[in-house]
Amino acid sequence: VVRDLELSMDQLWMMFEHKVRKNVKKAQRAGILVEHDEGERLESFLSIYQHTMDRRDAHERYYFPREYFERLHATLPGQFRYFHAIREGSVLSTELVLVSSENVYSFLGGTREDAFEHRPNDILKHAIMDWAVSQGKRHFVLGGGYAPDDGIFRYKLAFAPDGRRPFYVGRRILLPAAYARLVERRTLLRREHEDAPSSSGFFPAYRG
């Protein structure tokens, strides 16, 4: 899902589904404000992100150590931004976006479960778009879902009902022998840890 940003915020607002506009207004009435920074609230981000991964029973590959983000800060200066939906001094929802010369990409984020009723993520997405428009960006890439037309995909589509885009992934194995060894090692590890999760069909297979 990609939101075209070459419009005014008033135009974008009217293109959101009704439920998004309703949720943003609800968040505003709850006193939620959005701030953005370059990592000053990293602790809050990490806490909420891990909470969200735990709640969704996410695969271990989605758990990133603090060092991962510190390395991102050091190697991509000016090409990322954290956005935080805050109420009474507490971060309720947070998102890390990547920034290119023309586009903004939704990367990682999460929302506190006890804050769902205030709809902080809706106002967060709205604020990200507002900032991106002010920076002259052309598109906000919200991403897709885990499966065709699942709940996550439909949620993102509500911000850009006309924003469906084709998405393709290329797969190529450059070192077949090395690839086979890694797959075999992964298979052995699964046998040793029978409760280890397996993602059938995931590529590359040694990470599934």
N, C-alpha and C. Protein backbone atom coordinates (compact mmCIF):
# COMPACT_ATOMS: atom_id res chain seq x y z
N VAL A 1 0.85 -1.19 0.00
CA VAL A 1 0.00 0.00 0.00
C VAL A 1 0.89 1.23 0.00
N VAL A 2 0.63 2.15 -0.95
CA VAL A 2 1.43 3.37 -1.07
C VAL A 2 0.49 4.58 -1.09
N ARG A 3 0.75 5.55 -0.19
CA ARG A 3 -0.04 6.76 -0.15
C ARG A 3 0.68 7.85 -0.96
N ASP A 4 0.03 8.31 -2.04
CA ASP A 4 0.56 9.42 -2.83
C ASP A 4 0.47 10.69 -1.99
N LEU A 5 1.60 11.39 -1.84
CA LEU A 5 1.64 12.58 -0.99
C LEU A 5 1.66 13.89 -1.77
N GLU A 6 1.54 13.82 -3.07
CA GLU A 6 1.59 15.04 -3.87
C GLU A 6 0.21 15.71 -3.91
N LEU A 7 -0.33 15.89 -2.72
CA LEU A 7 -1.63 16.52 -2.52
C LEU A 7 -1.54 17.36 -1.25
N SER A 8 -2.52 18.19 -1.02
CA SER A 8 -2.55 18.92 0.24
C SER A 8 -3.03 17.99 1.35
N MET A 9 -2.76 18.34 2.61
CA MET A 9 -3.22 17.51 3.71
C MET A 9 -4.75 17.49 3.76
N ASP A 10 -5.40 18.58 3.37
CA ASP A 10 -6.87 18.58 3.33
C ASP A 10 -7.38 17.54 2.33
N GLN A 11 -6.71 17.45 1.19
CA GLN A 11 -7.11 16.46 0.19
C GLN A 11 -6.84 15.04 0.70
N LEU A 12 -5.68 14.84 1.31
CA LEU A 12 -5.36 13.52 1.86
C LEU A 12 -6.37 13.12 2.92
N TRP A 13 -6.73 14.07 3.76
CA TRP A 13 -7.69 13.81 4.83
C TRP A 13 -9.01 13.27 4.27
N MET A 14 -9.50 13.88 3.21
CA MET A 14 -10.76 13.46 2.64
C MET A 14 -10.65 12.13 1.89
N MET A 15 -9.44 11.71 1.57
CA MET A 15 -9.25 10.43 0.88
C MET A 15 -9.12 9.26 1.86
N PHE A 16 -8.88 9.55 3.14
CA PHE A 16 -8.87 8.49 4.14
C PHE A 16 -10.27 7.88 4.24
N GLU A 17 -10.35 6.62 4.60
CA GLU A 17 -11.66 6.04 4.89
C GLU A 17 -12.25 6.76 6.10
N HIS A 18 -13.57 6.76 6.17
CA HIS A 18 -14.27 7.48 7.25
C HIS A 18 -13.77 7.05 8.63
N LYS A 19 -13.51 5.76 8.81
CA LYS A 19 -13.11 5.27 10.13
C LYS A 19 -11.75 5.85 10.55
N VAL A 20 -10.89 6.13 9.58
CA VAL A 20 -9.59 6.73 9.92
C VAL A 20 -9.80 8.15 10.43
N ARG A 21 -10.60 8.94 9.73
CA ARG A 21 -10.87 10.31 10.17
C ARG A 21 -11.52 10.31 11.56
N LYS A 22 -12.42 9.37 11.77
CA LYS A 22 -13.08 9.25 13.07
C LYS A 22 -12.08 8.91 14.16
N ASN A 23 -11.16 7.99 13.87
CA ASN A 23 -10.17 7.57 14.87
C ASN A 23 -9.16 8.67 15.17
N VAL A 24 -8.76 9.43 14.15
CA VAL A 24 -7.82 10.54 14.38
C VAL A 24 -8.47 11.58 15.30
N LYS A 25 -9.73 11.89 15.04
CA LYS A 25 -10.44 12.85 15.89
C LYS A 25 -10.58 12.34 17.32
N LYS A 26 -10.80 11.03 17.45
CA LYS A 26 -10.91 10.44 18.79
C LYS A 26 -9.58 10.56 19.53
N ALA A 27 -8.48 10.33 18.83
CA ALA A 27 -7.16 10.46 19.45
C ALA A 27 -6.89 11.90 19.86
N GLN A 28 -7.31 12.84 19.02
CA GLN A 28 -7.12 14.26 19.35
C GLN A 28 -7.93 14.63 20.58
N ARG A 29 -9.16 14.13 20.67
CA ARG A 29 -9.99 14.43 21.85
C ARG A 29 -9.38 13.84 23.12
N ALA A 30 -8.66 12.73 22.96
CA ALA A 30 -8.02 12.09 24.12
C ALA A 30 -6.75 12.82 24.54
N GLY A 31 -6.39 13.86 23.81
CA GLY A 31 -5.22 14.65 24.16
C GLY A 31 -3.91 14.08 23.66
N ILE A 32 -3.96 13.24 22.65
CA ILE A 32 -2.73 12.64 22.11
C ILE A 32 -2.04 13.60 21.15
N LEU A 33 -0.76 13.79 21.37
CA LEU A 33 0.08 14.62 20.51
C LEU A 33 1.16 13.74 19.90
N VAL A 34 1.68 14.15 18.75
CA VAL A 34 2.72 13.37 18.09
C VAL A 34 4.01 14.18 18.04
N GLU A 35 5.08 13.54 18.47
CA GLU A 35 6.41 14.14 18.39
C GLU A 35 7.31 13.25 17.54
N HIS A 36 8.36 13.83 16.98
CA HIS A 36 9.30 13.01 16.22
C HIS A 36 10.72 13.39 16.59
N ASP A 37 11.63 12.43 16.46
CA ASP A 37 13.02 12.66 16.83
C ASP A 37 13.92 11.70 16.06
N GLU A 38 15.20 11.71 16.40
CA GLU A 38 16.17 10.84 15.73
C GLU A 38 16.75 9.82 16.71
N GLY A 39 15.93 9.37 17.63
CA GLY A 39 16.36 8.31 18.54
C GLY A 39 16.42 8.69 20.00
N GLU A 40 16.01 9.92 20.33
CA GLU A 40 16.08 10.34 21.72
C GLU A 40 15.16 9.52 22.63
N ARG A 41 14.09 8.98 22.08
CA ARG A 41 13.17 8.15 22.87
C ARG A 41 13.32 6.67 22.49
N LEU A 42 14.53 6.26 22.22
CA LEU A 42 14.76 4.88 21.78
C LEU A 42 14.28 3.87 22.81
N GLU A 43 14.45 4.15 24.09
CA GLU A 43 14.02 3.21 25.12
C GLU A 43 12.52 2.96 25.04
N SER A 44 11.76 4.03 24.86
CA SER A 44 10.30 3.87 24.74
C SER A 44 9.95 3.07 23.50
N PHE A 45 10.64 3.37 22.39
CA PHE A 45 10.39 2.63 21.15
C PHE A 45 10.66 1.15 21.36
N LEU A 46 11.81 0.81 21.93
CA LEU A 46 12.18 -0.60 22.11
C LEU A 46 11.18 -1.32 23.02
N SER A 47 10.75 -0.66 24.07
CA SER A 47 9.81 -1.28 25.00
C SER A 47 8.48 -1.59 24.31
N ILE A 48 7.95 -0.62 23.56
CA ILE A 48 6.67 -0.84 22.90
C ILE A 48 6.80 -1.82 21.74
N TYR A 49 7.91 -1.72 21.02
CA TYR A 49 8.10 -2.64 19.89
C TYR A 49 8.16 -4.09 20.38
N GLN A 50 8.94 -4.34 21.44
CA GLN A 50 9.03 -5.71 21.97
C GLN A 50 7.69 -6.17 22.51
N HIS A 51 6.98 -5.28 23.19
CA HIS A 51 5.64 -5.61 23.70
C HIS A 51 4.73 -6.04 22.55
N THR A 52 4.81 -5.33 21.42
CA THR A 52 3.98 -5.65 20.26
C THR A 52 4.38 -6.99 19.66
N MET A 53 5.66 -7.26 19.55
CA MET A 53 6.12 -8.54 19.01
C MET A 53 5.69 -9.69 19.92
N ASP A 54 5.78 -9.50 21.23
CA ASP A 54 5.34 -10.52 22.18
C ASP A 54 3.84 -10.79 22.01
N ARG A 55 3.08 -9.70 21.92
CA ARG A 55 1.62 -9.83 21.80
C ARG A 55 1.22 -10.57 20.53
N ARG A 56 1.97 -10.33 19.46
CA ARG A 56 1.63 -10.96 18.18
C ARG A 56 2.35 -12.31 17.98
N ASP A 57 3.06 -12.74 19.03
CA ASP A 57 3.78 -14.02 18.96
C ASP A 57 4.66 -14.06 17.70
N ALA A 58 5.43 -13.00 17.51
CA ALA A 58 6.23 -12.84 16.30
C ALA A 58 7.40 -13.81 16.27
N HIS A 59 7.87 -14.10 15.07
CA HIS A 59 9.04 -14.95 14.88
C HIS A 59 10.26 -14.24 15.45
N GLU A 60 11.22 -15.03 15.90
CA GLU A 60 12.41 -14.47 16.53
C GLU A 60 13.18 -13.50 15.63
N ARG A 61 13.04 -13.65 14.31
CA ARG A 61 13.79 -12.77 13.41
C ARG A 61 13.30 -11.33 13.46
N TYR A 62 12.12 -11.10 14.08
CA TYR A 62 11.61 -9.74 14.19
C TYR A 62 12.06 -9.04 15.47
N TYR A 63 12.82 -9.75 16.30
CA TYR A 63 13.35 -9.14 17.52
C TYR A 63 14.76 -8.62 17.23
N PHE A 64 14.91 -7.32 17.27
CA PHE A 64 16.20 -6.71 16.98
C PHE A 64 16.82 -6.15 18.26
N PRO A 65 18.11 -6.39 18.47
CA PRO A 65 18.75 -5.85 19.68
C PRO A 65 18.95 -4.34 19.57
N ARG A 66 19.19 -3.73 20.69
CA ARG A 66 19.42 -2.28 20.73
C ARG A 66 20.54 -1.87 19.77
N GLU A 67 21.57 -2.73 19.69
CA GLU A 67 22.71 -2.41 18.84
C GLU A 67 22.32 -2.26 17.37
N TYR A 68 21.29 -2.96 16.95
CA TYR A 68 20.80 -2.85 15.57
C TYR A 68 20.38 -1.41 15.27
N PHE A 69 19.64 -0.82 16.20
CA PHE A 69 19.15 0.55 15.99
C PHE A 69 20.27 1.57 16.14
N GLU A 70 21.17 1.32 17.06
CA GLU A 70 22.31 2.23 17.22
C GLU A 70 23.17 2.23 15.96
N ARG A 71 23.31 1.07 15.33
CA ARG A 71 24.07 0.99 14.09
C ARG A 71 23.34 1.72 12.96
N LEU A 72 22.00 1.60 12.96
CA LEU A 72 21.21 2.32 11.97
C LEU A 72 21.39 3.83 12.14
N HIS A 73 21.39 4.30 13.38
CA HIS A 73 21.57 5.72 13.65
C HIS A 73 22.92 6.21 13.11
N ALA A 74 23.94 5.38 13.29
CA ALA A 74 25.30 5.78 12.91
C ALA A 74 25.51 5.75 11.41
N THR A 75 24.85 4.81 10.73
CA THR A 75 25.13 4.60 9.30
C THR A 75 24.12 5.27 8.37
N LEU A 76 22.96 5.69 8.90
CA LEU A 76 21.94 6.33 8.06
C LEU A 76 21.52 7.69 8.61
N PRO A 77 22.47 8.56 8.90
CA PRO A 77 22.07 9.87 9.43
C PRO A 77 21.19 10.63 8.43
N GLY A 78 20.11 11.16 8.95
CA GLY A 78 19.20 11.93 8.10
C GLY A 78 18.26 11.09 7.27
N GLN A 79 18.35 9.77 7.39
CA GLN A 79 17.51 8.89 6.56
C GLN A 79 16.56 8.03 7.39
N PHE A 80 16.28 8.47 8.60
CA PHE A 80 15.30 7.78 9.44
C PHE A 80 14.67 8.80 10.38
N ARG A 81 13.52 8.43 10.93
CA ARG A 81 12.83 9.31 11.87
C ARG A 81 11.92 8.45 12.74
N TYR A 82 11.92 8.73 14.03
CA TYR A 82 10.99 8.07 14.94
C TYR A 82 9.82 9.01 15.21
N PHE A 83 8.61 8.46 15.17
CA PHE A 83 7.41 9.22 15.49
C PHE A 83 6.74 8.57 16.70
N HIS A 84 6.26 9.40 17.64
CA HIS A 84 5.67 8.89 18.88
C HIS A 84 4.35 9.58 19.17
N ALA A 85 3.31 8.78 19.40
CA ALA A 85 2.02 9.30 19.85
C ALA A 85 2.07 9.32 21.38
N ILE A 86 1.93 10.52 21.96
CA ILE A 86 2.16 10.71 23.38
C ILE A 86 0.92 11.27 24.06
N ARG A 87 0.61 10.71 25.21
CA ARG A 87 -0.51 11.20 26.02
C ARG A 87 -0.05 11.33 27.47
N GLU A 88 -0.18 12.52 28.02
CA GLU A 88 0.22 12.78 29.40
C GLU A 88 1.65 12.33 29.66
N GLY A 89 2.52 12.60 28.70
CA GLY A 89 3.94 12.31 28.85
C GLY A 89 4.35 10.88 28.59
N SER A 90 3.41 10.02 28.26
CA SER A 90 3.70 8.61 28.04
C SER A 90 3.53 8.24 26.57
N VAL A 91 4.47 7.50 26.01
CA VAL A 91 4.38 7.07 24.62
C VAL A 91 3.42 5.90 24.52
N LEU A 92 2.40 6.05 23.67
CA LEU A 92 1.39 5.00 23.48
C LEU A 92 1.62 4.19 22.21
N SER A 93 2.11 4.86 21.18
CA SER A 93 2.34 4.22 19.89
C SER A 93 3.58 4.86 19.28
N THR A 94 4.35 4.06 18.56
CA THR A 94 5.62 4.57 18.05
C THR A 94 5.95 3.90 16.73
N GLU A 95 6.66 4.62 15.87
CA GLU A 95 6.99 4.06 14.55
C GLU A 95 8.31 4.63 14.06
N LEU A 96 9.12 3.76 13.52
CA LEU A 96 10.37 4.14 12.88
C LEU A 96 10.14 4.14 11.37
N VAL A 97 10.40 5.27 10.74
CA VAL A 97 10.27 5.36 9.28
C VAL A 97 11.63 5.61 8.67
N LEU A 98 11.84 5.07 7.50
CA LEU A 98 13.05 5.32 6.73
C LEU A 98 12.74 6.39 5.70
N VAL A 99 13.71 7.23 5.43
CA VAL A 99 13.48 8.40 4.59
C VAL A 99 14.47 8.42 3.43
N SER A 100 13.95 8.51 2.21
CA SER A 100 14.81 8.66 1.03
C SER A 100 14.61 10.05 0.45
N SER A 101 15.22 10.32 -0.67
CA SER A 101 15.11 11.65 -1.26
C SER A 101 13.67 11.99 -1.64
N GLU A 102 12.86 10.97 -1.99
CA GLU A 102 11.49 11.24 -2.44
C GLU A 102 10.41 10.57 -1.60
N ASN A 103 10.78 9.53 -0.86
CA ASN A 103 9.77 8.70 -0.20
C ASN A 103 10.04 8.51 1.29
N VAL A 104 8.98 8.11 1.99
CA VAL A 104 9.07 7.72 3.39
C VAL A 104 8.52 6.30 3.50
N TYR A 105 9.22 5.46 4.25
CA TYR A 105 8.86 4.04 4.33
C TYR A 105 8.55 3.66 5.77
N SER A 106 7.37 3.11 6.00
CA SER A 106 7.03 2.57 7.31
C SER A 106 7.90 1.33 7.54
N PHE A 107 8.64 1.30 8.64
CA PHE A 107 9.59 0.21 8.85
C PHE A 107 9.19 -0.66 10.04
N LEU A 108 9.34 -0.14 11.25
CA LEU A 108 9.03 -0.91 12.45
C LEU A 108 8.25 -0.04 13.42
N GLY A 109 7.42 -0.67 14.22
CA GLY A 109 6.67 0.11 15.20
C GLY A 109 5.78 -0.75 16.06
N GLY A 110 5.02 -0.12 16.91
CA GLY A 110 4.11 -0.86 17.77
C GLY A 110 3.23 0.07 18.57
N THR A 111 2.25 -0.53 19.25
CA THR A 111 1.29 0.24 20.05
C THR A 111 1.02 -0.51 21.35
N ARG A 112 0.94 0.22 22.44
CA ARG A 112 0.60 -0.41 23.72
C ARG A 112 -0.83 -0.92 23.67
N GLU A 113 -1.02 -2.14 24.12
CA GLU A 113 -2.35 -2.76 24.06
C GLU A 113 -3.37 -1.99 24.89
N ASP A 114 -2.93 -1.43 26.01
CA ASP A 114 -3.87 -0.71 26.85
C ASP A 114 -4.24 0.66 26.30
N ALA A 115 -3.67 1.02 25.13
CA ALA A 115 -3.97 2.33 24.53
C ALA A 115 -4.83 2.21 23.27
N PHE A 116 -5.22 0.99 22.91
CA PHE A 116 -5.97 0.81 21.66
C PHE A 116 -7.20 1.70 21.59
N GLU A 117 -7.89 1.85 22.70
CA GLU A 117 -9.16 2.59 22.69
C GLU A 117 -8.99 4.04 22.27
N HIS A 118 -7.78 4.59 22.42
CA HIS A 118 -7.53 5.98 22.05
C HIS A 118 -7.08 6.15 20.61
N ARG A 119 -6.89 5.06 19.90
CA ARG A 119 -6.51 5.05 18.48
C ARG A 119 -5.22 5.86 18.21
N PRO A 120 -4.16 5.62 18.98
CA PRO A 120 -2.94 6.40 18.79
C PRO A 120 -2.23 6.13 17.47
N ASN A 121 -2.38 4.92 16.91
CA ASN A 121 -1.65 4.63 15.68
C ASN A 121 -2.25 5.37 14.49
N ASP A 122 -3.54 5.64 14.52
CA ASP A 122 -4.16 6.38 13.42
C ASP A 122 -3.63 7.82 13.37
N ILE A 123 -3.55 8.46 14.52
CA ILE A 123 -3.05 9.84 14.52
C ILE A 123 -1.55 9.85 14.22
N LEU A 124 -0.87 8.77 14.58
CA LEU A 124 0.56 8.66 14.28
C LEU A 124 0.78 8.63 12.76
N LYS A 125 0.02 7.79 12.05
CA LYS A 125 0.14 7.71 10.59
C LYS A 125 -0.19 9.06 9.95
N HIS A 126 -1.21 9.70 10.45
CA HIS A 126 -1.60 11.01 9.93
C HIS A 126 -0.47 12.01 10.09
N ALA A 127 0.18 12.01 11.26
CA ALA A 127 1.28 12.93 11.53
C ALA A 127 2.50 12.64 10.66
N ILE A 128 2.76 11.37 10.42
CA ILE A 128 3.88 11.00 9.54
C ILE A 128 3.66 11.58 8.15
N MET A 129 2.44 11.45 7.65
CA MET A 129 2.13 11.99 6.32
C MET A 129 2.25 13.50 6.31
N ASP A 130 1.76 14.14 7.37
CA ASP A 130 1.85 15.60 7.45
C ASP A 130 3.32 16.04 7.39
N TRP A 131 4.17 15.36 8.15
CA TRP A 131 5.60 15.68 8.15
C TRP A 131 6.21 15.43 6.77
N ALA A 132 5.87 14.29 6.17
CA ALA A 132 6.43 13.94 4.87
C ALA A 132 6.03 14.95 3.80
N VAL A 133 4.79 15.41 3.83
CA VAL A 133 4.34 16.43 2.88
C VAL A 133 5.15 17.71 3.09
N SER A 134 5.37 18.08 4.35
CA SER A 134 6.12 19.31 4.64
C SER A 134 7.57 19.21 4.17
N GLN A 135 8.06 17.97 4.04
CA GLN A 135 9.43 17.74 3.58
C GLN A 135 9.52 17.55 2.07
N GLY A 136 8.38 17.65 1.39
CA GLY A 136 8.36 17.52 -0.06
C GLY A 136 8.48 16.10 -0.56
N LYS A 137 8.13 15.11 0.27
CA LYS A 137 8.20 13.72 -0.16
C LYS A 137 7.02 13.37 -1.06
N ARG A 138 7.24 12.42 -1.94
CA ARG A 138 6.21 12.08 -2.94
C ARG A 138 5.29 10.94 -2.50
N HIS A 139 5.83 9.99 -1.72
CA HIS A 139 5.03 8.82 -1.36
C HIS A 139 5.33 8.38 0.07
N PHE A 140 4.31 7.81 0.70
CA PHE A 140 4.48 7.14 1.98
C PHE A 140 4.18 5.66 1.74
N VAL A 141 5.19 4.83 1.83
CA VAL A 141 5.04 3.39 1.58
C VAL A 141 4.66 2.74 2.91
N LEU A 142 3.40 2.34 3.04
CA LEU A 142 2.93 1.73 4.28
C LEU A 142 3.24 0.24 4.35
N GLY A 143 3.50 -0.39 3.22
CA GLY A 143 3.77 -1.83 3.21
C GLY A 143 2.50 -2.62 3.03
N GLY A 144 2.60 -3.93 3.25
CA GLY A 144 1.46 -4.81 3.03
C GLY A 144 1.10 -5.60 4.27
N GLY A 145 0.52 -6.77 4.07
CA GLY A 145 0.15 -7.64 5.17
C GLY A 145 0.95 -8.92 5.15
N TYR A 146 0.59 -9.85 6.04
CA TYR A 146 1.25 -11.15 6.07
C TYR A 146 0.64 -12.11 5.05
N ALA A 147 -0.62 -11.89 4.75
CA ALA A 147 -1.34 -12.73 3.79
C ALA A 147 -2.24 -11.81 2.97
N PRO A 148 -2.63 -12.24 1.77
CA PRO A 148 -3.46 -11.39 0.91
C PRO A 148 -4.73 -10.91 1.62
N ASP A 149 -4.92 -9.60 1.62
CA ASP A 149 -6.14 -8.99 2.13
C ASP A 149 -6.42 -9.31 3.59
N ASP A 150 -5.35 -9.48 4.40
CA ASP A 150 -5.57 -9.75 5.82
C ASP A 150 -5.86 -8.45 6.57
N GLY A 151 -6.02 -8.54 7.87
CA GLY A 151 -6.41 -7.38 8.66
C GLY A 151 -5.39 -6.25 8.61
N ILE A 152 -4.11 -6.61 8.64
CA ILE A 152 -3.06 -5.59 8.59
C ILE A 152 -3.10 -4.86 7.26
N PHE A 153 -3.28 -5.61 6.18
CA PHE A 153 -3.34 -4.99 4.85
C PHE A 153 -4.54 -4.05 4.76
N ARG A 154 -5.69 -4.49 5.24
CA ARG A 154 -6.90 -3.65 5.17
C ARG A 154 -6.76 -2.40 6.02
N TYR A 155 -6.08 -2.53 7.16
CA TYR A 155 -5.85 -1.36 8.01
C TYR A 155 -5.02 -0.31 7.26
N LYS A 156 -3.95 -0.74 6.61
CA LYS A 156 -3.10 0.19 5.87
C LYS A 156 -3.84 0.78 4.67
N LEU A 157 -4.66 -0.04 4.03
CA LEU A 157 -5.40 0.42 2.86
C LEU A 157 -6.39 1.53 3.22
N ALA A 158 -6.84 1.56 4.47
CA ALA A 158 -7.79 2.60 4.89
C ALA A 158 -7.18 3.99 4.78
N PHE A 159 -5.85 4.09 4.81
CA PHE A 159 -5.19 5.38 4.66
C PHE A 159 -4.96 5.74 3.19
N ALA A 160 -5.10 4.75 2.33
CA ALA A 160 -4.87 4.97 0.90
C ALA A 160 -5.73 4.00 0.11
N PRO A 161 -7.05 4.22 0.08
CA PRO A 161 -7.95 3.28 -0.61
C PRO A 161 -7.59 3.05 -2.07
N ASP A 162 -6.90 4.01 -2.68
CA ASP A 162 -6.49 3.85 -4.07
C ASP A 162 -5.01 3.48 -4.17
N GLY A 163 -4.44 3.02 -3.06
CA GLY A 163 -2.99 2.84 -2.99
C GLY A 163 -2.45 1.44 -3.18
N ARG A 164 -3.28 0.52 -3.68
CA ARG A 164 -2.76 -0.83 -3.94
C ARG A 164 -1.67 -0.78 -5.02
N ARG A 165 -0.57 -1.46 -4.76
CA ARG A 165 0.52 -1.51 -5.73
C ARG A 165 0.98 -2.96 -5.87
N PRO A 166 1.37 -3.36 -7.08
CA PRO A 166 1.92 -4.72 -7.25
C PRO A 166 3.25 -4.82 -6.53
N PHE A 167 3.53 -5.98 -5.97
CA PHE A 167 4.76 -6.20 -5.22
C PHE A 167 5.37 -7.53 -5.63
N TYR A 168 6.63 -7.51 -5.96
CA TYR A 168 7.30 -8.73 -6.41
C TYR A 168 8.60 -8.93 -5.63
N VAL A 169 8.94 -10.18 -5.40
CA VAL A 169 10.19 -10.53 -4.76
C VAL A 169 10.97 -11.47 -5.68
N GLY A 170 12.20 -11.10 -5.98
CA GLY A 170 13.05 -11.97 -6.79
C GLY A 170 13.81 -12.95 -5.91
N ARG A 171 13.95 -14.18 -6.36
CA ARG A 171 14.66 -15.20 -5.60
C ARG A 171 15.74 -15.82 -6.48
N ARG A 172 16.97 -15.78 -5.98
CA ARG A 172 18.07 -16.35 -6.75
C ARG A 172 19.12 -16.89 -5.79
N ILE A 173 19.54 -18.10 -6.02
CA ILE A 173 20.58 -18.73 -5.20
C ILE A 173 21.89 -18.66 -5.98
N LEU A 174 22.82 -17.88 -5.47
CA LEU A 174 24.09 -17.69 -6.17
C LEU A 174 25.11 -18.77 -5.84
N LEU A 175 25.03 -19.35 -4.65
CA LEU A 175 25.98 -20.39 -4.23
C LEU A 175 25.18 -21.62 -3.77
N PRO A 176 24.75 -22.46 -4.71
CA PRO A 176 23.88 -23.60 -4.36
C PRO A 176 24.46 -24.52 -3.29
N ALA A 177 25.75 -24.80 -3.35
CA ALA A 177 26.35 -25.71 -2.38
C ALA A 177 26.32 -25.12 -0.97
N ALA A 178 26.68 -23.84 -0.86
CA ALA A 178 26.65 -23.16 0.44
C ALA A 178 25.22 -23.07 0.95
N TYR A 179 24.28 -22.79 0.05
CA TYR A 179 22.87 -22.70 0.43
C TYR A 179 22.39 -24.04 0.99
N ALA A 180 22.76 -25.14 0.32
CA ALA A 180 22.34 -26.47 0.76
C ALA A 180 22.90 -26.78 2.14
N ARG A 181 24.15 -26.37 2.40
CA ARG A 181 24.76 -26.63 3.71
C ARG A 181 24.02 -25.87 4.81
N LEU A 182 23.64 -24.63 4.53
CA LEU A 182 22.91 -23.84 5.51
C LEU A 182 21.53 -24.42 5.80
N VAL A 183 20.85 -24.88 4.75
CA VAL A 183 19.54 -25.50 4.92
C VAL A 183 19.66 -26.77 5.76
N GLU A 184 20.70 -27.56 5.49
CA GLU A 184 20.92 -28.80 6.25
C GLU A 184 21.18 -28.49 7.72
N ARG A 185 21.99 -27.46 7.97
CA ARG A 185 22.28 -27.08 9.35
C ARG A 185 21.03 -26.63 10.07
N ARG A 186 20.19 -25.87 9.37
CA ARG A 186 18.94 -25.41 9.97
C ARG A 186 18.02 -26.59 10.28
N THR A 187 18.00 -27.57 9.39
CA THR A 187 17.18 -28.76 9.61
C THR A 187 17.63 -29.51 10.85
N LEU A 188 18.94 -29.64 11.02
CA LEU A 188 19.48 -30.33 12.19
C LEU A 188 19.13 -29.58 13.48
N LEU A 189 19.20 -28.27 13.43
CA LEU A 189 18.85 -27.48 14.61
C LEU A 189 17.39 -27.66 14.98
N ARG A 190 16.53 -27.76 13.97
CA ARG A 190 15.10 -27.97 14.24
C ARG A 190 14.88 -29.33 14.92
N ARG A 191 15.62 -30.33 14.48
CA ARG A 191 15.48 -31.66 15.09
C ARG A 191 15.93 -31.65 16.54
N GLU A 192 16.97 -30.86 16.83
CA GLU A 192 17.46 -30.78 18.21
C GLU A 192 16.51 -29.99 19.09
N HIS A 193 15.80 -29.04 18.50
CA HIS A 193 14.84 -28.22 19.24
C HIS A 193 13.47 -28.40 18.58
N GLU A 194 12.78 -29.44 18.97
CA GLU A 194 11.54 -29.82 18.29
C GLU A 194 10.47 -28.74 18.35
N ASP A 195 10.59 -27.83 19.32
CA ASP A 195 9.58 -26.79 19.42
C ASP A 195 9.94 -25.55 18.61
N ALA A 196 11.07 -25.61 17.88
CA ALA A 196 11.48 -24.45 17.09
C ALA A 196 10.48 -24.18 15.98
N PRO A 197 10.08 -22.91 15.81
CA PRO A 197 9.09 -22.59 14.77
C PRO A 197 9.65 -22.80 13.37
N SER A 198 8.79 -23.18 12.46
CA SER A 198 9.19 -23.38 11.07
C SER A 198 8.22 -22.64 10.17
N SER A 199 8.77 -21.93 9.20
CA SER A 199 7.94 -21.19 8.25
C SER A 199 8.03 -21.88 6.89
N SER A 200 7.08 -22.73 6.60
CA SER A 200 7.10 -23.48 5.35
C SER A 200 7.02 -22.52 4.17
N GLY A 201 7.90 -22.72 3.21
CA GLY A 201 7.88 -21.90 2.01
C GLY A 201 8.67 -20.61 2.13
N PHE A 202 9.23 -20.34 3.29
CA PHE A 202 9.99 -19.09 3.47
C PHE A 202 11.30 -19.17 2.71
N PHE A 203 11.67 -18.05 2.09
CA PHE A 203 12.95 -17.99 1.38
C PHE A 203 13.79 -16.87 1.96
N PRO A 204 15.05 -17.14 2.28
CA PRO A 204 15.78 -18.41 2.14
C PRO A 204 15.38 -19.43 3.21
N ALA A 205 15.39 -20.69 2.83
CA ALA A 205 14.88 -21.76 3.71
C ALA A 205 15.66 -21.88 5.01
N TYR A 206 16.92 -21.50 5.01
CA TYR A 206 17.72 -21.62 6.24
C TYR A 206 17.34 -20.57 7.29
N ARG A 207 16.50 -19.63 6.92
CA ARG A 207 16.02 -18.65 7.89
C ARG A 207 14.57 -18.88 8.26
N GLY A 208 13.88 -19.76 7.57
CA GLY A 208 12.47 -19.97 7.81
C GLY A 208 12.18 -20.66 9.12
